[in-house]
Amino acid sequence: MRHDVTIFKPYPFKLGQKIRIDGSGRNGDWEIIDIGANKITIKCPISHKELKCDKFCCFVEEKNNEEWPKH
């Protein structure tokens, strides 16, 4: 029997990458400042708060020439 299947893969984060998270408790703009085997550390460019969190694998879109951080 065949089914529709959604495939998730780990996102290949890069040091210094600027990201924007929508739809979770981590909403906002972040910079990738450390990448471990299972965790990443992200830093807010406005508050400078750092969070170490599990790697996640959601990708929606990339935007070019986007204002960052968004005010």
C-alpha atoms as a PDB file:
ATOM      1  CA  MET A   1       0.000   0.000   0.000  1.00  0.00           C
ATOM      2  CA  ARG A   2       1.295   3.493  -0.852  1.00  0.00           C
ATOM      3  CA  HIS A   3       0.933   6.589   1.345  1.00  0.00           C
ATOM      4  CA  ASP A   4       1.856  10.251   1.356  1.00  0.00           C
ATOM      5  CA  VAL A   5       4.930  10.550   3.583  1.00  0.00           C
ATOM      6  CA  THR A   6       6.588  13.699   4.894  1.00  0.00           C
ATOM      7  CA  ILE A   7      10.371  13.386   5.147  1.00  0.00           C
ATOM      8  CA  PHE A   8      12.360  15.465   7.671  1.00  0.00           C
ATOM      9  CA  LYS A   9      16.122  15.746   7.582  1.00  0.00           C
ATOM     10  CA  PRO A  10      18.478  17.599   9.932  1.00  0.00           C
ATOM     11  CA  TYR A  11      19.119  21.105   8.687  1.00  0.00           C
ATOM     12  CA  PRO A  12      22.829  21.698   7.888  1.00  0.00           C
ATOM     13  CA  PHE A  13      23.435  24.723  10.132  1.00  0.00           C
ATOM     14  CA  LYS A  14      26.552  26.848   9.542  1.00  0.00           C
ATOM     15  CA  LEU A  15      28.479  28.949  12.067  1.00  0.00           C
ATOM     16  CA  GLY A  16      27.546  32.617  11.788  1.00  0.00           C
ATOM     17  CA  GLN A  17      24.310  31.816   9.951  1.00  0.00           C
ATOM     18  CA  LYS A  18      21.511  34.297  10.594  1.00  0.00           C
ATOM     19  CA  ILE A  19      18.140  32.623  11.073  1.00  0.00           C
ATOM     20  CA  ARG A  20      14.588  33.668  11.894  1.00  0.00           C
ATOM     21  CA  ILE A  21      12.358  31.269  13.828  1.00  0.00           C
ATOM     22  CA  ASP A  22       8.577  31.561  13.509  1.00  0.00           C
ATOM     23  CA  GLY A  23       5.923  29.540  15.285  1.00  0.00           C
ATOM     24  CA  SER A  24       7.684  28.384  18.456  1.00  0.00           C
ATOM     25  CA  GLY A  25       8.807  29.613  21.860  1.00  0.00           C
ATOM     26  CA  ARG A  26      12.109  30.631  20.250  1.00  0.00           C
ATOM     27  CA  ASN A  27      10.441  33.120  17.867  1.00  0.00           C
ATOM     28  CA  GLY A  28      12.752  35.795  16.560  1.00  0.00           C
ATOM     29  CA  ASP A  29      16.115  36.416  14.966  1.00  0.00           C
ATOM     30  CA  TRP A  30      19.137  34.364  16.022  1.00  0.00           C
ATOM     31  CA  GLU A  31      22.717  33.750  14.988  1.00  0.00           C
ATOM     32  CA  ILE A  32      24.284  30.289  15.073  1.00  0.00           C
ATOM     33  CA  ILE A  33      27.339  30.623  17.346  1.00  0.00           C
ATOM     34  CA  ASP A  34      28.195  26.972  18.075  1.00  0.00           C
ATOM     35  CA  ILE A  35      27.375  23.606  16.537  1.00  0.00           C
ATOM     36  CA  GLY A  36      27.835  20.344  18.407  1.00  0.00           C
ATOM     37  CA  ALA A  37      26.984  16.752  17.549  1.00  0.00           C
ATOM     38  CA  ASN A  38      23.418  17.054  18.890  1.00  0.00           C
ATOM     39  CA  LYS A  39      23.032  20.669  20.031  1.00  0.00           C
ATOM     40  CA  ILE A  40      23.418  24.156  18.608  1.00  0.00           C
ATOM     41  CA  THR A  41      23.922  27.432  20.443  1.00  0.00           C
ATOM     42  CA  ILE A  42      21.996  30.419  19.151  1.00  0.00           C
ATOM     43  CA  LYS A  43      22.370  34.079  20.129  1.00  0.00           C
ATOM     44  CA  CYS A  44      19.850  36.906  19.901  1.00  0.00           C
ATOM     45  CA  PRO A  45      21.398  39.925  18.123  1.00  0.00           C
ATOM     46  CA  ILE A  46      19.320  42.364  20.199  1.00  0.00           C
ATOM     47  CA  SER A  47      19.364  41.014  23.780  1.00  0.00           C
ATOM     48  CA  HIS A  48      22.545  38.943  23.277  1.00  0.00           C
ATOM     49  CA  LYS A  49      20.786  36.077  25.093  1.00  0.00           C
ATOM     50  CA  GLU A  50      22.289  32.684  24.241  1.00  0.00           C
ATOM     51  CA  LEU A  51      20.366  29.403  24.130  1.00  0.00           C
ATOM     52  CA  LYS A  52      21.745  25.889  23.735  1.00  0.00           C
ATOM     53  CA  CYS A  53      19.113  23.690  22.167  1.00  0.00           C
ATOM     54  CA  ASP A  54      18.663  20.419  20.330  1.00  0.00           C
ATOM     55  CA  LYS A  55      19.272  20.595  16.611  1.00  0.00           C
ATOM     56  CA  PHE A  56      15.986  20.948  14.785  1.00  0.00           C
ATOM     57  CA  CYS A  57      15.040  20.098  11.236  1.00  0.00           C
ATOM     58  CA  CYS A  58      12.424  22.517   9.950  1.00  0.00           C
ATOM     59  CA  PHE A  59      13.084  24.606   6.844  1.00  0.00           C
ATOM     60  CA  VAL A  60      10.511  26.832   5.185  1.00  0.00           C
ATOM     61  CA  GLU A  61      12.242  29.351   2.922  1.00  0.00           C
ATOM     62  CA  GLU A  62      15.332  31.457   2.349  1.00  0.00           C
ATOM     63  CA  LYS A  63      15.086  35.188   1.676  1.00  0.00           C
ATOM     64  CA  ASN A  64      17.726  37.353   0.041  1.00  0.00           C
ATOM     65  CA  ASN A  65      18.360  40.980   0.989  1.00  0.00           C
ATOM     66  CA  GLU A  66      16.192  40.632   4.127  1.00  0.00           C
ATOM     67  CA  GLU A  67      16.451  43.068   7.067  1.00  0.00           C
ATOM     68  CA  TRP A  68      18.077  41.320  10.047  1.00  0.00           C
ATOM     69  CA  PRO A  69      17.456  41.662  12.894  1.00  0.00           C
ATOM     70  CA  LYS A  70      13.874  42.570  12.194  1.00  0.00           C
ATOM     71  CA  HIS A  71      12.648  45.457  14.351  1.00  0.00           C
END
